[in-house]
N, C-alpha and C. Protein backbone atom coordinates (compact mmCIF):
# COMPACT_ATOMS: atom_id res chain seq x y z
N MET A 1 0.84 -1.15 0.00
CA MET A 1 0.07 0.11 -0.01
C MET A 1 0.89 1.24 -0.01
N GLY A 2 0.83 2.12 -1.08
CA GLY A 2 1.60 3.25 -1.11
C GLY A 2 1.00 4.48 -0.31
N PHE A 3 1.85 5.48 -0.08
CA PHE A 3 1.48 6.60 0.79
C PHE A 3 0.29 7.25 0.13
N TRP A 4 0.30 7.47 -1.05
CA TRP A 4 -0.81 8.39 -1.68
C TRP A 4 -2.17 7.55 -1.72
N GLU A 5 -1.95 6.18 -1.88
CA GLU A 5 -3.21 5.45 -1.90
C GLU A 5 -3.87 5.46 -0.53
N VAL A 6 -3.05 5.33 0.55
CA VAL A 6 -3.55 5.51 1.88
C VAL A 6 -4.15 6.94 2.19
N THR A 7 -3.41 7.92 1.67
CA THR A 7 -3.88 9.18 1.93
C THR A 7 -5.29 9.47 1.26
N LEU A 8 -5.49 9.03 0.04
CA LEU A 8 -6.77 9.29 -0.63
C LEU A 8 -7.82 8.38 0.20
N SER A 9 -7.46 7.26 0.66
CA SER A 9 -8.49 6.38 1.41
C SER A 9 -8.87 7.13 2.74
N LEU A 10 -7.89 7.70 3.36
CA LEU A 10 -8.13 8.56 4.64
C LEU A 10 -8.82 9.74 4.33
N LEU A 11 -8.72 10.47 3.25
CA LEU A 11 -9.41 11.65 2.74
C LEU A 11 -10.89 11.23 2.65
N ARG A 12 -11.18 10.00 2.04
CA ARG A 12 -12.56 9.64 1.98
C ARG A 12 -13.17 9.50 3.35
N GLY A 13 -12.44 8.94 4.13
CA GLY A 13 -12.81 8.83 5.63
C GLY A 13 -13.03 10.21 6.33
N LEU A 14 -12.25 11.05 5.93
CA LEU A 14 -12.25 12.38 6.52
C LEU A 14 -13.62 13.06 5.91
N GLU A 15 -13.91 12.70 4.69
CA GLU A 15 -15.24 13.34 4.20
C GLU A 15 -16.44 12.94 5.06
N GLN A 16 -16.36 11.69 5.44
CA GLN A 16 -17.49 11.13 6.31
C GLN A 16 -17.36 11.80 7.72
N THR A 17 -16.21 11.94 8.22
CA THR A 17 -16.06 12.59 9.41
C THR A 17 -16.46 14.08 9.44
N GLY A 18 -16.16 14.77 8.42
CA GLY A 18 -16.59 16.10 8.17
C GLY A 18 -18.08 16.29 8.10
N LEU A 19 -18.79 15.35 7.44
CA LEU A 19 -20.24 15.29 7.27
C LEU A 19 -20.89 15.03 8.74
N ILE A 20 -20.26 14.18 9.51
CA ILE A 20 -20.88 14.05 10.87
C ILE A 20 -20.68 15.22 11.59
N PHE A 21 -19.48 15.83 11.63
CA PHE A 21 -19.18 17.02 12.24
C PHE A 21 -20.13 18.18 11.98
N ALA A 22 -20.29 18.47 10.64
CA ALA A 22 -21.06 19.50 10.21
C ALA A 22 -22.54 19.40 10.56
N LEU A 23 -23.18 18.21 10.27
CA LEU A 23 -24.57 18.04 10.57
C LEU A 23 -24.96 18.15 12.04
N THR A 24 -23.92 17.51 12.84
CA THR A 24 -24.01 17.66 14.29
C THR A 24 -24.05 19.09 14.77
N LEU A 25 -23.17 19.87 14.25
CA LEU A 25 -23.03 21.38 14.65
C LEU A 25 -24.24 22.06 14.28
N VAL A 26 -24.71 21.89 13.04
CA VAL A 26 -25.74 22.70 12.47
C VAL A 26 -27.08 22.32 13.16
N LEU A 27 -27.25 21.17 13.60
CA LEU A 27 -28.43 20.79 14.34
C LEU A 27 -28.50 21.01 15.74
N ALA A 28 -27.33 20.69 16.21
CA ALA A 28 -27.20 20.76 17.85
C ALA A 28 -27.16 22.17 18.39
N LEU A 29 -26.58 22.95 17.80
CA LEU A 29 -26.45 24.45 18.32
C LEU A 29 -27.81 25.03 18.45
N PRO A 30 -28.81 25.00 17.47
CA PRO A 30 -30.13 25.66 17.72
C PRO A 30 -30.87 24.83 18.72
N LEU A 31 -30.66 23.43 18.50
CA LEU A 31 -31.56 22.50 19.52
C LEU A 31 -30.97 22.83 21.00
N GLY A 32 -29.76 23.02 21.15
CA GLY A 32 -29.31 23.28 22.52
C GLY A 32 -29.93 24.53 23.07
N LEU A 33 -30.16 25.61 22.26
CA LEU A 33 -30.74 26.79 22.81
C LEU A 33 -32.25 26.49 23.15
N VAL A 34 -32.90 25.70 22.47
CA VAL A 34 -34.22 25.30 22.79
C VAL A 34 -34.31 24.64 24.04
N ILE A 35 -33.29 23.76 24.24
CA ILE A 35 -33.40 22.90 25.45
C ILE A 35 -32.91 23.76 26.71
N SER A 36 -32.13 24.67 26.53
CA SER A 36 -31.77 25.64 27.60
C SER A 36 -32.82 26.46 28.02
N PHE A 37 -33.75 26.79 27.04
CA PHE A 37 -35.04 27.64 27.42
C PHE A 37 -35.85 26.72 28.24
N GLY A 38 -36.01 25.47 27.86
CA GLY A 38 -36.70 24.56 28.74
C GLY A 38 -36.33 24.43 30.11
N SER A 39 -34.95 24.37 30.22
CA SER A 39 -34.34 24.21 31.62
C SER A 39 -34.51 25.38 32.38
N MET A 40 -34.62 26.60 31.83
CA MET A 40 -34.88 27.86 32.42
C MET A 40 -36.22 28.28 32.65
N SER A 41 -37.16 27.39 32.07
CA SER A 41 -38.64 27.72 32.09
C SER A 41 -39.09 27.94 33.52
N LYS A 42 -39.96 28.98 33.66
CA LYS A 42 -40.67 29.16 34.84
C LYS A 42 -41.67 28.07 35.19
N PHE A 43 -42.11 27.29 34.12
CA PHE A 43 -43.13 26.21 34.33
C PHE A 43 -42.23 25.06 34.94
N LYS A 44 -42.33 24.90 36.24
CA LYS A 44 -41.41 24.01 36.93
C LYS A 44 -41.41 22.51 36.46
N PRO A 45 -42.61 21.92 36.06
CA PRO A 45 -42.58 20.45 35.49
C PRO A 45 -41.57 20.40 34.16
N LEU A 46 -41.71 21.41 33.35
CA LEU A 46 -40.96 21.48 32.21
C LEU A 46 -39.50 21.51 32.52
N ALA A 47 -39.13 22.41 33.51
CA ALA A 47 -37.80 22.65 33.78
C ALA A 47 -37.18 21.36 34.44
N TYR A 48 -37.92 20.78 35.30
CA TYR A 48 -37.40 19.56 36.00
C TYR A 48 -37.22 18.44 34.92
N ILE A 49 -38.24 18.22 33.95
CA ILE A 49 -38.13 17.20 33.05
C ILE A 49 -36.81 17.40 32.09
N THR A 50 -36.65 18.76 31.81
CA THR A 50 -35.57 18.93 30.80
C THR A 50 -34.23 18.84 31.53
N LYS A 51 -34.11 19.24 32.80
CA LYS A 51 -33.00 19.08 33.60
C LYS A 51 -32.52 17.54 33.81
N ILE A 52 -33.52 16.75 34.00
CA ILE A 52 -33.30 15.31 34.26
C ILE A 52 -32.90 14.74 32.96
N PHE A 53 -33.45 15.12 31.83
CA PHE A 53 -33.07 14.61 30.50
C PHE A 53 -31.52 15.01 30.14
N VAL A 54 -31.26 16.26 30.44
CA VAL A 54 -29.87 16.74 30.16
C VAL A 54 -28.90 15.94 31.11
N TRP A 55 -29.20 15.69 32.34
CA TRP A 55 -28.45 14.98 33.20
C TRP A 55 -28.21 13.63 32.75
N ILE A 56 -29.22 12.87 32.19
CA ILE A 56 -29.04 11.51 31.76
C ILE A 56 -28.08 11.47 30.55
N ILE A 57 -28.46 12.41 29.58
CA ILE A 57 -27.64 12.40 28.40
C ILE A 57 -26.17 12.70 28.67
N ARG A 58 -25.91 13.62 29.57
CA ARG A 58 -24.52 14.04 29.91
C ARG A 58 -23.74 12.96 30.72
N GLY A 59 -24.59 12.19 31.37
CA GLY A 59 -24.03 11.13 32.13
C GLY A 59 -23.75 9.81 31.53
N VAL A 60 -24.32 9.57 30.44
CA VAL A 60 -24.10 8.24 29.72
C VAL A 60 -23.03 8.58 28.62
N PRO A 61 -22.19 7.76 28.45
CA PRO A 61 -21.10 7.85 27.44
C PRO A 61 -21.69 7.91 25.86
N LEU A 62 -21.15 8.76 25.19
CA LEU A 62 -21.70 8.94 23.74
C LEU A 62 -21.65 7.68 22.97
N MET A 63 -20.55 6.87 23.17
CA MET A 63 -20.56 5.51 22.47
C MET A 63 -21.73 4.78 22.76
N LEU A 64 -22.19 4.65 23.96
CA LEU A 64 -23.28 3.81 24.44
C LEU A 64 -24.38 4.39 23.86
N GLN A 65 -24.52 5.68 23.72
CA GLN A 65 -25.82 6.38 23.20
C GLN A 65 -25.89 5.91 21.71
N VAL A 66 -24.83 6.07 20.96
CA VAL A 66 -24.84 5.61 19.56
C VAL A 66 -25.37 4.23 19.42
N ILE A 67 -24.95 3.26 20.29
CA ILE A 67 -25.40 1.83 20.23
C ILE A 67 -26.81 1.69 20.52
N ILE A 68 -27.21 2.40 21.51
CA ILE A 68 -28.76 2.40 21.91
C ILE A 68 -29.56 3.05 20.87
N VAL A 69 -29.20 4.14 20.20
CA VAL A 69 -30.03 4.62 19.25
C VAL A 69 -30.23 3.64 17.93
N PHE A 70 -29.03 2.91 17.70
CA PHE A 70 -29.17 2.16 16.50
C PHE A 70 -29.75 0.72 16.80
N TYR A 71 -29.32 0.15 17.85
CA TYR A 71 -29.69 -1.26 18.08
C TYR A 71 -30.97 -1.49 18.88
N VAL A 72 -31.29 -0.54 19.77
CA VAL A 72 -32.37 -0.77 20.74
C VAL A 72 -33.81 -0.86 19.82
N PRO A 73 -34.06 0.11 19.07
CA PRO A 73 -35.23 0.07 18.29
C PRO A 73 -35.40 -1.13 17.39
N GLY A 74 -34.31 -1.74 16.88
CA GLY A 74 -34.26 -2.88 16.16
C GLY A 74 -34.66 -4.22 17.05
N PHE A 75 -34.28 -4.19 18.27
CA PHE A 75 -34.58 -5.24 19.18
C PHE A 75 -36.10 -5.24 19.67
N LEU A 76 -36.52 -3.92 19.76
CA LEU A 76 -37.91 -3.79 20.29
C LEU A 76 -38.99 -3.86 19.11
N LEU A 77 -38.66 -3.38 17.91
CA LEU A 77 -39.60 -3.26 16.71
C LEU A 77 -39.19 -4.40 15.64
N GLY A 78 -38.11 -4.97 15.71
CA GLY A 78 -37.75 -6.04 14.73
C GLY A 78 -36.99 -5.53 13.59
N ALA A 79 -36.76 -4.05 13.51
CA ALA A 79 -36.12 -3.51 12.37
C ALA A 79 -35.63 -2.14 12.92
N PRO A 80 -34.46 -1.71 12.49
CA PRO A 80 -33.97 -0.37 12.83
C PRO A 80 -34.80 0.69 12.31
N LEU A 81 -34.99 1.79 13.14
CA LEU A 81 -35.73 2.90 12.81
C LEU A 81 -34.98 3.79 11.72
N MET A 82 -33.68 3.76 11.89
CA MET A 82 -32.78 4.66 11.06
C MET A 82 -31.63 3.87 10.49
N THR A 83 -31.02 4.48 9.54
CA THR A 83 -29.74 3.88 8.89
C THR A 83 -28.68 3.98 10.06
N ARG A 84 -27.49 3.39 9.82
CA ARG A 84 -26.35 3.55 10.70
C ARG A 84 -25.97 5.07 10.73
N PHE A 85 -25.93 5.59 9.67
CA PHE A 85 -25.52 7.01 9.68
C PHE A 85 -26.43 7.88 10.27
N GLY A 86 -27.77 7.72 10.00
CA GLY A 86 -28.81 8.46 10.62
C GLY A 86 -28.74 8.27 12.22
N SER A 87 -28.50 7.01 12.64
CA SER A 87 -28.44 6.84 14.08
C SER A 87 -27.19 7.56 14.76
N VAL A 88 -26.10 7.62 14.07
CA VAL A 88 -24.96 8.42 14.44
C VAL A 88 -25.30 9.76 14.55
N ILE A 89 -26.02 10.43 13.60
CA ILE A 89 -26.32 11.81 13.73
C ILE A 89 -27.28 12.09 14.88
N ALA A 90 -28.30 11.31 14.96
CA ALA A 90 -29.25 11.52 15.91
C ALA A 90 -28.59 11.50 17.26
N ALA A 91 -27.83 10.47 17.54
CA ALA A 91 -27.01 10.34 18.95
C ALA A 91 -26.32 11.56 19.18
N PHE A 92 -25.46 11.88 18.18
CA PHE A 92 -24.46 13.03 18.39
C PHE A 92 -25.31 14.37 18.55
N VAL A 93 -26.30 14.59 17.83
CA VAL A 93 -27.08 15.80 17.96
C VAL A 93 -27.57 15.93 19.36
N ILE A 94 -28.28 14.84 19.84
CA ILE A 94 -28.86 14.92 21.06
C ILE A 94 -27.92 15.11 22.19
N ASN A 95 -26.65 14.52 22.15
CA ASN A 95 -25.68 14.57 23.08
C ASN A 95 -25.04 15.98 23.16
N TYR A 96 -24.79 16.46 22.01
CA TYR A 96 -24.10 17.76 21.93
C TYR A 96 -25.16 19.01 22.19
N ALA A 97 -26.34 18.71 21.85
CA ALA A 97 -27.33 19.75 22.19
C ALA A 97 -27.58 19.91 23.64
N CYS A 98 -27.40 18.85 24.45
CA CYS A 98 -27.50 18.90 25.81
C CYS A 98 -26.29 19.65 26.43
N TYR A 99 -25.08 19.36 25.98
CA TYR A 99 -23.91 20.09 26.39
C TYR A 99 -23.97 21.58 26.16
N PHE A 100 -24.33 21.80 24.82
CA PHE A 100 -24.53 23.24 24.50
C PHE A 100 -25.54 24.09 25.34
N SER A 101 -26.71 23.22 25.63
CA SER A 101 -27.76 23.90 26.40
C SER A 101 -27.27 24.34 27.81
N GLU A 102 -26.37 23.55 28.40
CA GLU A 102 -25.88 24.14 29.70
C GLU A 102 -24.90 25.31 29.55
N ILE A 103 -24.18 25.30 28.38
CA ILE A 103 -23.38 26.58 28.16
C ILE A 103 -24.23 27.69 27.85
N TYR A 104 -25.32 27.59 27.06
CA TYR A 104 -26.25 28.67 26.81
C TYR A 104 -26.70 29.09 28.14
N ARG A 105 -27.19 28.22 28.96
CA ARG A 105 -27.94 28.57 30.19
C ARG A 105 -27.01 29.40 31.13
N ALA A 106 -25.83 28.85 31.23
CA ALA A 106 -24.77 29.61 32.17
C ALA A 106 -24.55 31.01 31.59
N GLY A 107 -24.35 31.11 30.27
CA GLY A 107 -24.13 32.49 29.65
C GLY A 107 -25.29 33.43 29.83
N ILE A 108 -26.49 33.02 29.66
CA ILE A 108 -27.72 33.97 29.73
C ILE A 108 -27.88 34.20 31.21
N GLU A 109 -27.72 33.32 32.14
CA GLU A 109 -27.99 33.53 33.63
C GLU A 109 -26.83 34.34 34.13
N SER A 110 -25.73 34.50 33.50
CA SER A 110 -24.55 35.24 33.94
C SER A 110 -24.73 36.89 33.79
N ILE A 111 -25.79 37.12 32.88
CA ILE A 111 -25.92 38.57 32.61
C ILE A 111 -26.65 39.27 33.80
N PRO A 112 -26.20 40.24 34.44
CA PRO A 112 -26.90 40.91 35.56
C PRO A 112 -28.22 41.37 35.25
N LYS A 113 -29.00 41.24 36.22
CA LYS A 113 -30.48 41.45 35.97
C LYS A 113 -30.79 43.04 35.80
N GLY A 114 -29.71 43.78 36.28
CA GLY A 114 -29.85 45.17 36.19
C GLY A 114 -29.90 45.67 34.71
N GLN A 115 -29.39 44.84 33.79
CA GLN A 115 -29.38 45.17 32.39
C GLN A 115 -30.81 44.97 31.81
N TYR A 116 -31.45 43.97 32.28
CA TYR A 116 -32.84 43.66 31.80
C TYR A 116 -33.73 44.85 32.37
N GLU A 117 -33.54 45.19 33.57
CA GLU A 117 -34.26 46.30 34.24
C GLU A 117 -34.02 47.73 33.40
N ALA A 118 -32.82 47.88 33.18
CA ALA A 118 -32.37 49.14 32.46
C ALA A 118 -33.12 49.15 31.15
N GLY A 119 -33.26 48.16 30.34
CA GLY A 119 -33.91 48.00 29.10
C GLY A 119 -35.44 48.27 29.25
N GLN A 120 -35.98 47.70 30.32
CA GLN A 120 -37.31 47.93 30.55
C GLN A 120 -37.81 49.34 30.85
N VAL A 121 -36.84 50.02 31.64
CA VAL A 121 -37.00 51.45 31.90
C VAL A 121 -36.93 52.24 30.64
N LEU A 122 -36.05 51.91 29.65
CA LEU A 122 -36.01 52.54 28.43
C LEU A 122 -37.14 52.18 27.41
N GLY A 123 -38.04 51.42 27.83
CA GLY A 123 -39.35 51.05 27.09
C GLY A 123 -39.07 49.97 26.13
N MET A 124 -38.07 49.27 26.23
CA MET A 124 -37.72 48.11 25.36
C MET A 124 -38.58 46.91 25.66
N THR A 125 -38.90 46.04 24.70
CA THR A 125 -39.61 44.82 24.80
C THR A 125 -38.53 43.82 25.22
N LYS A 126 -39.04 42.65 25.74
CA LYS A 126 -38.20 41.62 26.26
C LYS A 126 -37.36 41.07 24.99
N SER A 127 -37.99 41.00 23.88
CA SER A 127 -37.05 40.57 22.70
C SER A 127 -36.04 41.55 22.36
N GLN A 128 -36.41 42.81 22.33
CA GLN A 128 -35.38 43.80 22.10
C GLN A 128 -34.26 43.88 23.08
N ILE A 129 -34.61 43.66 24.33
CA ILE A 129 -33.53 43.66 25.30
C ILE A 129 -32.56 42.39 25.09
N PHE A 130 -33.25 41.21 24.80
CA PHE A 130 -32.44 40.09 24.52
C PHE A 130 -31.58 40.26 23.36
N PHE A 131 -32.06 40.63 22.26
CA PHE A 131 -31.31 40.72 20.97
C PHE A 131 -30.27 41.99 20.83
N LYS A 132 -30.69 42.95 21.38
CA LYS A 132 -29.85 44.35 21.36
C LYS A 132 -29.04 44.52 22.56
N VAL A 133 -29.31 43.89 23.72
CA VAL A 133 -28.42 44.30 24.88
C VAL A 133 -27.82 42.94 25.28
N VAL A 134 -28.43 41.93 25.42
CA VAL A 134 -27.90 40.81 26.09
C VAL A 134 -27.14 39.68 25.12
N LEU A 135 -27.74 39.63 23.97
CA LEU A 135 -27.25 38.46 23.16
C LEU A 135 -25.75 38.54 22.86
N MET A 136 -25.15 39.56 22.49
CA MET A 136 -23.75 39.61 22.02
C MET A 136 -22.80 39.60 23.34
N GLN A 137 -23.31 39.92 24.50
CA GLN A 137 -22.58 39.68 25.71
C GLN A 137 -22.63 38.27 25.93
N VAL A 138 -23.80 37.51 25.71
CA VAL A 138 -23.80 36.01 25.99
C VAL A 138 -22.90 35.44 25.09
N VAL A 139 -22.85 35.83 23.67
CA VAL A 139 -21.89 35.22 22.83
C VAL A 139 -20.60 35.33 23.23
N LYS A 140 -20.17 36.40 23.69
CA LYS A 140 -18.77 36.64 24.17
C LYS A 140 -18.34 35.73 25.31
N ARG A 141 -19.28 35.57 26.17
CA ARG A 141 -18.98 34.69 27.41
C ARG A 141 -19.04 33.14 26.95
N ILE A 142 -19.81 32.77 26.16
CA ILE A 142 -19.90 31.29 25.83
C ILE A 142 -18.93 30.83 24.75
N LEU A 143 -18.35 31.81 24.00
CA LEU A 143 -17.61 31.39 22.91
C LEU A 143 -16.43 30.45 23.22
N PRO A 144 -15.61 30.75 24.28
CA PRO A 144 -14.53 29.65 24.65
C PRO A 144 -15.15 28.31 25.05
N PRO A 145 -16.15 28.10 25.80
CA PRO A 145 -16.61 26.83 26.10
C PRO A 145 -17.27 26.11 24.89
N ILE A 146 -17.79 26.98 24.03
CA ILE A 146 -18.46 26.36 22.78
C ILE A 146 -17.33 25.92 21.82
N ALA A 147 -16.17 26.63 21.85
CA ALA A 147 -15.15 26.27 20.96
C ALA A 147 -14.45 24.91 21.48
N ASN A 148 -14.43 24.80 22.75
CA ASN A 148 -13.85 23.55 23.30
C ASN A 148 -14.82 22.34 22.95
N GLU A 149 -16.14 22.50 23.02
CA GLU A 149 -17.06 21.52 22.69
C GLU A 149 -16.94 21.22 21.17
N VAL A 150 -16.71 22.20 20.28
CA VAL A 150 -16.60 21.85 18.92
C VAL A 150 -15.42 21.05 18.67
N ILE A 151 -14.25 21.49 19.22
CA ILE A 151 -13.04 20.73 19.03
C ILE A 151 -13.16 19.27 19.60
N THR A 152 -13.83 19.07 20.65
CA THR A 152 -14.16 17.82 21.18
C THR A 152 -14.90 16.93 20.23
N LEU A 153 -15.97 17.57 19.64
CA LEU A 153 -16.73 16.90 18.64
C LEU A 153 -15.89 16.34 17.40
N VAL A 154 -14.95 17.18 16.98
CA VAL A 154 -13.98 16.63 15.78
C VAL A 154 -13.51 15.23 16.17
N LYS A 155 -13.07 15.13 17.46
CA LYS A 155 -12.42 13.90 17.92
C LYS A 155 -13.36 12.84 18.18
N ASP A 156 -14.64 13.19 18.74
CA ASP A 156 -15.70 12.29 19.00
C ASP A 156 -16.34 11.59 17.82
N THR A 157 -16.17 12.19 16.59
CA THR A 157 -16.63 11.66 15.46
C THR A 157 -16.05 10.14 15.24
N ALA A 158 -14.93 9.95 15.72
CA ALA A 158 -14.34 8.48 15.66
C ALA A 158 -15.15 7.46 16.28
N LEU A 159 -16.08 7.96 17.21
CA LEU A 159 -17.01 6.91 17.88
C LEU A 159 -17.98 6.29 16.91
N ALA A 160 -18.14 7.02 15.76
CA ALA A 160 -19.02 6.46 14.78
C ALA A 160 -18.65 5.05 14.22
N ARG A 161 -17.42 4.74 14.38
CA ARG A 161 -17.03 3.34 13.97
C ARG A 161 -17.64 2.26 14.74
N VAL A 162 -18.17 2.57 15.96
CA VAL A 162 -18.69 1.50 16.88
C VAL A 162 -19.86 0.79 16.06
N ILE A 163 -20.60 1.54 15.14
CA ILE A 163 -21.62 0.88 14.39
C ILE A 163 -21.17 0.77 12.91
N MET A 164 -19.80 0.62 12.68
CA MET A 164 -19.34 0.38 11.32
C MET A 164 -19.48 1.52 10.39
N ILE A 165 -19.61 2.69 10.94
CA ILE A 165 -19.45 3.83 9.92
C ILE A 165 -17.94 4.14 9.54
N VAL A 166 -17.60 4.14 8.27
CA VAL A 166 -16.26 4.22 7.90
C VAL A 166 -15.73 5.66 7.88
N GLU A 167 -15.58 6.24 9.13
CA GLU A 167 -14.89 7.52 9.14
C GLU A 167 -13.30 7.27 9.16
N ILE A 168 -12.58 8.35 9.35
CA ILE A 168 -11.22 8.30 9.16
C ILE A 168 -10.53 7.36 9.94
N ILE A 169 -10.83 7.21 11.21
CA ILE A 169 -10.22 6.12 12.07
C ILE A 169 -10.33 4.69 11.62
N GLN A 170 -11.63 4.40 11.19
CA GLN A 170 -12.05 3.10 10.56
C GLN A 170 -11.30 2.84 9.38
N ALA A 171 -11.10 4.09 8.56
CA ALA A 171 -10.62 3.73 7.34
C ALA A 171 -9.07 3.34 7.59
N ALA A 172 -8.48 3.92 8.61
CA ALA A 172 -7.03 3.63 8.84
C ALA A 172 -6.94 2.23 9.42
N GLN A 173 -7.89 1.79 10.30
CA GLN A 173 -7.89 0.55 11.05
C GLN A 173 -8.14 -0.61 9.89
N ASN A 174 -8.67 -0.41 8.83
CA ASN A 174 -8.88 -1.38 7.78
C ASN A 174 -7.56 -1.84 7.22
N TYR A 175 -6.59 -0.84 7.28
CA TYR A 175 -5.24 -1.34 6.77
C TYR A 175 -4.50 -2.27 7.77
N ALA A 176 -4.99 -2.40 8.88
CA ALA A 176 -4.27 -3.38 9.95
C ALA A 176 -4.38 -4.86 9.35
N ALA A 177 -5.49 -5.14 8.56
CA ALA A 177 -5.64 -6.36 7.99
C ALA A 177 -4.42 -6.75 7.10
N TYR A 178 -3.74 -5.68 6.58
CA TYR A 178 -2.61 -5.80 5.56
C TYR A 178 -1.33 -5.66 6.44
N GLY A 179 -1.34 -5.70 7.63
CA GLY A 179 -0.10 -5.53 8.60
C GLY A 179 0.35 -4.07 8.50
N LEU A 180 -0.44 -3.18 8.19
CA LEU A 180 0.09 -1.77 8.30
C LEU A 180 -0.60 -1.00 9.45
N MET A 181 0.31 -0.48 10.22
CA MET A 181 -0.19 0.34 11.48
C MET A 181 -0.01 1.83 11.31
N TRP A 182 0.92 2.09 10.48
CA TRP A 182 1.37 3.55 10.31
C TRP A 182 0.08 4.46 9.89
N PRO A 183 -0.81 3.89 9.05
CA PRO A 183 -2.04 4.75 8.66
C PRO A 183 -2.76 5.30 9.87
N LEU A 184 -2.85 4.41 10.90
CA LEU A 184 -3.64 4.82 12.17
C LEU A 184 -3.04 6.03 12.86
N PHE A 185 -1.61 6.00 12.74
CA PHE A 185 -1.02 7.14 13.43
C PHE A 185 -0.98 8.39 12.38
N TYR A 186 -1.06 8.16 11.17
CA TYR A 186 -1.25 9.24 10.28
C TYR A 186 -2.43 10.01 10.39
N THR A 187 -3.43 9.41 10.91
CA THR A 187 -4.83 10.16 10.95
C THR A 187 -4.65 11.33 11.91
N ALA A 188 -3.53 11.22 12.88
CA ALA A 188 -3.32 12.42 13.77
C ALA A 188 -3.00 13.68 13.00
N VAL A 189 -2.44 13.59 11.81
CA VAL A 189 -2.07 14.69 10.99
C VAL A 189 -3.33 15.46 10.51
N PHE A 190 -4.35 14.57 10.21
CA PHE A 190 -5.60 15.25 9.61
C PHE A 190 -6.37 15.97 10.86
N TYR A 191 -6.38 15.19 12.04
CA TYR A 191 -7.14 15.82 13.15
C TYR A 191 -6.40 17.18 13.60
N LEU A 192 -5.15 17.15 13.59
CA LEU A 192 -4.36 18.26 14.07
C LEU A 192 -4.63 19.56 13.15
N ILE A 193 -4.70 19.24 11.80
CA ILE A 193 -4.96 20.19 10.84
C ILE A 193 -6.35 20.92 10.94
N VAL A 194 -7.35 19.94 11.22
CA VAL A 194 -8.71 20.45 11.37
C VAL A 194 -8.90 21.20 12.73
N VAL A 195 -8.27 20.76 13.73
CA VAL A 195 -8.30 21.37 15.11
C VAL A 195 -7.59 22.64 15.04
N GLY A 196 -6.40 22.71 14.38
CA GLY A 196 -5.75 23.92 14.25
C GLY A 196 -6.51 25.05 13.53
N LEU A 197 -7.20 24.71 12.41
CA LEU A 197 -8.00 25.53 11.54
C LEU A 197 -9.32 26.08 12.51
N LEU A 198 -9.83 25.21 13.32
CA LEU A 198 -10.98 25.67 14.13
C LEU A 198 -10.40 26.60 15.24
N THR A 199 -9.20 26.31 15.89
CA THR A 199 -8.64 27.11 16.83
C THR A 199 -8.34 28.54 16.22
N LEU A 200 -7.80 28.68 15.03
CA LEU A 200 -7.69 30.05 14.43
C LEU A 200 -8.88 30.65 14.09
N LEU A 201 -10.06 30.01 13.84
CA LEU A 201 -11.24 30.64 13.48
C LEU A 201 -11.95 31.15 14.68
N PHE A 202 -11.91 30.40 15.77
CA PHE A 202 -12.44 30.80 17.00
C PHE A 202 -11.63 31.99 17.63
N GLY A 203 -10.46 31.88 17.53
CA GLY A 203 -9.49 33.00 17.92
C GLY A 203 -9.91 34.37 17.28
N PHE A 204 -10.22 34.25 15.84
CA PHE A 204 -10.62 35.40 15.14
C PHE A 204 -11.88 35.95 15.62
N PHE A 205 -12.83 35.04 15.96
CA PHE A 205 -14.15 35.50 16.48
C PHE A 205 -14.05 36.25 17.77
N GLU A 206 -13.10 35.59 18.66
CA GLU A 206 -13.00 36.18 20.04
C GLU A 206 -12.39 37.53 20.02
N LYS A 207 -11.46 37.78 18.95
CA LYS A 207 -10.81 39.11 18.85
C LYS A 207 -11.86 40.19 18.35
N LYS A 208 -12.81 39.61 17.48
CA LYS A 208 -13.91 40.44 16.96
C LYS A 208 -14.87 40.92 17.96
N LEU A 209 -14.89 40.13 19.06
CA LEU A 209 -15.91 40.38 20.14
C LEU A 209 -15.29 41.03 21.26
N ASP A 210 -13.88 41.53 21.13
CA ASP A 210 -13.23 42.13 22.23
C ASP A 210 -13.90 43.33 22.70
N TYR A 211 -14.60 44.03 21.88
CA TYR A 211 -15.13 45.37 22.29
C TYR A 211 -16.30 45.13 23.19
N TYR A 212 -16.82 43.93 23.45
CA TYR A 212 -17.88 43.54 24.39
C TYR A 212 -17.12 43.25 25.71
N LYS A 213 -17.01 44.30 26.61
CA LYS A 213 -16.23 44.03 27.88
C LYS A 213 -17.20 43.35 28.97
N VAL A 214 -16.89 42.30 29.27
CA VAL A 214 -17.78 41.54 30.20
C VAL A 214 -17.05 41.02 31.39
């Protein structure tokens, strides 16, 4: 197996990794905000149910969640509800949405109540206060922990191989049958490049938000 042949194979695996990463991020970020509103709801039953759900999801390993989403419906109904890839996306989205929800909640609750009261005194509506006064301050506060979760997501995509999704790690492991182990270590180069680009991107956003002193 030549170097370029292995590289092309890993790039195909990286494509699957990138798709899992992108879909999870696009779906989990807004869902996390919805869940955070549920956990902060003044309707106590909704708040309690949401908090218990988040506690369970955060307490169970993501690998186990992927296995549950794919295999359990098959055992109960006689056939899987989703494809392997769909099961991975569902498990990843639910898991990361719960983590994002806690980051959102902490960011929103960290804003002093005086800012809400000042907005009301000025005659602003609740939505105007949130979007014009609070939102960017919240974004400034939550950007570092969000960045950490996003970088963790890049590496967690490797868990998709537990139900035989051929992402980059699985693509490298396939070469073990030919007695080649170096492709597995070679995947580190791809991860480092992706994580490096994300680190630069989030650093750029943080500098752009420096004028929001919090």
